PDB file of N, CA and C in Angstrom:
ATOM      1  N   MET A   1     225.477  72.040  15.488  1.00  0.00           N
ATOM      2  CA  MET A   1     224.635  72.076  16.689  1.00  0.00           C
ATOM      3  C   MET A   1     225.270  72.986  17.737  1.00  0.00           C
ATOM      4  N   ARG A   2     224.512  73.931  18.217  1.00  0.00           N
ATOM      5  CA  ARG A   2     225.047  74.856  19.225  1.00  0.00           C
ATOM      6  C   ARG A   2     224.959  74.233  20.612  1.00  0.00           C
ATOM      7  N   VAL A   3     225.942  74.554  21.420  1.00  0.00           N
ATOM      8  CA  VAL A   3     225.973  74.051  22.795  1.00  0.00           C
ATOM      9  C   VAL A   3     226.006  75.245  23.735  1.00  0.00           C
ATOM     10  N   ASP A   4     225.094  75.258  24.677  1.00  0.00           N
ATOM     11  CA  ASP A   4     225.040  76.408  25.584  1.00  0.00           C
ATOM     12  C   ASP A   4     226.148  76.331  26.628  1.00  0.00           C
ATOM     13  N   ALA A   5     226.279  77.372  27.421  1.00  0.00           N
ATOM     14  CA  ALA A   5     227.385  77.467  28.376  1.00  0.00           C
ATOM     15  C   ALA A   5     227.294  76.377  29.436  1.00  0.00           C
ATOM     16  N   SER A   6     226.092  76.053  29.874  1.00  0.00           N
ATOM     17  CA  SER A   6     225.954  75.055  30.935  1.00  0.00           C
ATOM     18  C   SER A   6     226.430  73.691  30.458  1.00  0.00           C
ATOM     19  N   CYS A   7     226.092  73.332  29.232  1.00  0.00           N
ATOM     20  CA  CYS A   7     226.548  72.048  28.699  1.00  0.00           C
ATOM     21  C   CYS A   7     228.061  72.042  28.543  1.00  0.00           C
ATOM     22  N   ALA A   8     228.616  73.134  28.079  1.00  0.00           N
ATOM     23  CA  ALA A   8     230.065  73.213  27.905  1.00  0.00           C
ATOM     24  C   ALA A   8     230.761  73.099  29.252  1.00  0.00           C
ATOM     25  N   ARG A   9     230.179  73.708  30.271  1.00  0.00           N
ATOM     26  CA  ARG A   9     230.773  73.651  31.606  1.00  0.00           C
ATOM     27  C   ARG A   9     230.693  72.230  32.153  1.00  0.00           C
ATOM     28  N   ARG A  10     229.582  71.537  31.905  1.00  0.00           N
ATOM     29  CA  ARG A  10     229.443  70.174  32.411  1.00  0.00           C
ATOM     30  C   ARG A  10     230.389  69.222  31.702  1.00  0.00           C
ATOM     31  N   ARG A  11     230.682  69.496  30.436  1.00  0.00           N
ATOM     32  CA  ARG A  11     231.589  68.615  29.704  1.00  0.00           C
ATOM     33  C   ARG A  11     232.991  68.666  30.297  1.00  0.00           C
ATOM     34  N   VAL A  12     233.329  69.747  30.973  1.00  0.00           N
ATOM     35  CA  VAL A  12     234.632  69.822  31.635  1.00  0.00           C
ATOM     36  C   VAL A  12     234.723  68.733  32.698  1.00  0.00           C
ATOM     37  N   PHE A  13     233.599  68.431  33.338  1.00  0.00           N
ATOM     38  CA  PHE A  13     233.566  67.404  34.375  1.00  0.00           C
ATOM     39  C   PHE A  13     233.159  66.045  33.801  1.00  0.00           C
ATOM     40  N   PHE A  14     233.260  65.905  32.470  1.00  0.00           N
ATOM     41  CA  PHE A  14     232.988  64.639  31.794  1.00  0.00           C
ATOM     42  C   PHE A  14     231.555  64.178  32.036  1.00  0.00           C
ATOM     43  N   VAL A  15     230.628  65.143  32.131  1.00  0.00           N
ATOM     44  CA  VAL A  15     229.219  64.804  32.311  1.00  0.00           C
ATOM     45  C   VAL A  15     228.448  65.345  31.124  1.00  0.00           C
ATOM     46  N   SER A  16     227.699  64.502  30.481  1.00  0.00           N
ATOM     47  CA  SER A  16     226.945  64.937  29.314  1.00  0.00           C
ATOM     48  C   SER A  16     225.797  65.845  29.720  1.00  0.00           C
ATOM     49  N   CYS A  17     225.270  66.576  28.751  1.00  0.00           N
ATOM     50  CA  CYS A  17     224.225  67.550  29.033  1.00  0.00           C
ATOM     51  C   CYS A  17     222.944  66.877  29.499  1.00  0.00           C
ATOM     52  N   HIS A  18     222.729  65.637  29.059  1.00  0.00           N
ATOM     53  CA  HIS A  18     221.467  64.976  29.363  1.00  0.00           C
ATOM     54  C   HIS A  18     221.642  63.915  30.440  1.00  0.00           C
ATOM     55  N   ASN A  19     222.741  63.970  31.172  1.00  0.00           N
ATOM     56  CA  ASN A  19     223.000  62.956  32.187  1.00  0.00           C
ATOM     57  C   ASN A  19     223.082  63.632  33.551  1.00  0.00           C
ATOM     58  N   ASN A  20     221.946  64.138  34.019  1.00  0.00           N
ATOM     59  CA  ASN A  20     221.918  64.847  35.298  1.00  0.00           C
ATOM     60  C   ASN A  20     222.143  63.894  36.469  1.00  0.00           C
ATOM     61  N   PHE A  21     221.752  62.619  36.304  1.00  0.00           N
ATOM     62  CA  PHE A  21     221.925  61.655  37.390  1.00  0.00           C
ATOM     63  C   PHE A  21     223.398  61.477  37.731  1.00  0.00           C
ATOM     64  N   ALA A  22     224.250  61.424  36.710  1.00  0.00           N
ATOM     65  CA  ALA A  22     225.682  61.270  36.948  1.00  0.00           C
ATOM     66  C   ALA A  22     226.232  62.480  37.694  1.00  0.00           C
ATOM     67  N   LEU A  23     225.746  63.673  37.341  1.00  0.00           N
ATOM     68  CA  LEU A  23     226.212  64.885  38.011  1.00  0.00           C
ATOM     69  C   LEU A  23     225.821  64.865  39.478  1.00  0.00           C
ATOM     70  N   ILE A  24     224.580  64.454  39.774  1.00  0.00           N
ATOM     71  CA  ILE A  24     224.127  64.370  41.162  1.00  0.00           C
ATOM     72  C   ILE A  24     224.926  63.313  41.913  1.00  0.00           C
ATOM     73  N   LEU A  25     225.228  62.201  41.243  1.00  0.00           N
ATOM     74  CA  LEU A  25     225.983  61.129  41.885  1.00  0.00           C
ATOM     75  C   LEU A  25     227.384  61.596  42.256  1.00  0.00           C
ATOM     76  N   VAL A  26     228.030  62.333  41.365  1.00  0.00           N
ATOM     77  CA  VAL A  26     229.367  62.859  41.643  1.00  0.00           C
ATOM     78  C   VAL A  26     229.324  63.822  42.822  1.00  0.00           C
ATOM     79  N   LEU A  27     228.328  64.703  42.852  1.00  0.00           N
ATOM     80  CA  LEU A  27     228.208  65.649  43.962  1.00  0.00           C
ATOM     81  C   LEU A  27     227.965  64.908  45.270  1.00  0.00           C
ATOM     82  N   PHE A  28     227.173  63.835  45.223  1.00  0.00           N
ATOM     83  CA  PHE A  28     226.903  63.050  46.428  1.00  0.00           C
ATOM     84  C   PHE A  28     228.176  62.391  46.945  1.00  0.00           C
ATOM     85  N   VAL A  29     228.977  61.836  46.034  1.00  0.00           N
ATOM     86  CA  VAL A  29     230.234  61.197  46.432  1.00  0.00           C
ATOM     87  C   VAL A  29     231.178  62.221  47.054  1.00  0.00           C
ATOM     88  N   LEU A  30     231.249  63.409  46.455  1.00  0.00           N
ATOM     89  CA  LEU A  30     232.103  64.456  47.015  1.00  0.00           C
ATOM     90  C   LEU A  30     231.628  64.852  48.407  1.00  0.00           C
ATOM     91  N   LEU A  31     230.304  64.912  48.591  1.00  0.00           N
ATOM     92  CA  LEU A  31     229.761  65.263  49.903  1.00  0.00           C
ATOM     93  C   LEU A  31     230.135  64.218  50.938  1.00  0.00           C
ATOM     94  N   VAL A  32     230.047  62.939  50.570  1.00  0.00           N
ATOM     95  CA  VAL A  32     230.414  61.863  51.489  1.00  0.00           C
ATOM     96  C   VAL A  32     231.888  61.955  51.860  1.00  0.00           C
ATOM     97  N   ILE A  33     232.738  62.226  50.884  1.00  0.00           N
ATOM     98  CA  ILE A  33     234.174  62.346  51.155  1.00  0.00           C
ATOM     99  C   ILE A  33     234.438  63.489  52.129  1.00  0.00           C
ATOM    100  N   VAL A  34     233.761  64.622  51.926  1.00  0.00           N
ATOM    101  CA  VAL A  34     233.943  65.768  52.822  1.00  0.00           C
ATOM    102  C   VAL A  34     233.499  65.406  54.233  1.00  0.00           C
ATOM    103  N   LEU A  35     232.373  64.715  54.370  1.00  0.00           N
ATOM    104  CA  LEU A  35     231.890  64.326  55.698  1.00  0.00           C
ATOM    105  C   LEU A  35     232.862  63.368  56.370  1.00  0.00           C
ATOM    106  N   VAL A  36     233.455  62.460  55.609  1.00  0.00           N
ATOM    107  CA  VAL A  36     234.420  61.518  56.182  1.00  0.00           C
ATOM    108  C   VAL A  36     235.664  62.254  56.657  1.00  0.00           C
ATOM    109  N   VAL A  37     236.121  63.223  55.872  1.00  0.00           N
ATOM    110  CA  VAL A  37     237.319  63.980  56.248  1.00  0.00           C
ATOM    111  C   VAL A  37     237.052  64.801  57.509  1.00  0.00           C
ATOM    112  N   ILE A  38     235.877  65.413  57.588  1.00  0.00           N
ATOM    113  CA  ILE A  38     235.553  66.231  58.760  1.00  0.00           C
ATOM    114  C   ILE A  38     235.335  65.340  59.986  1.00  0.00           C
ATOM    115  N   GLY A  39     234.617  64.244  59.801  1.00  0.00           N
ATOM    116  CA  GLY A  39     234.260  63.381  60.916  1.00  0.00           C
ATOM    117  C   GLY A  39     235.408  62.509  61.366  1.00  0.00           C
TER     118      GLY A  39
END
């Protein structure tokens, strides 16, 4: 089974190709951390 570049890149962050919700959740948590550090 071939894996495209985007899936390979997401696997680096331990996020599966079909789990977009987890990726959004991680980005949201990072955003909250940045806001806390700035604020």
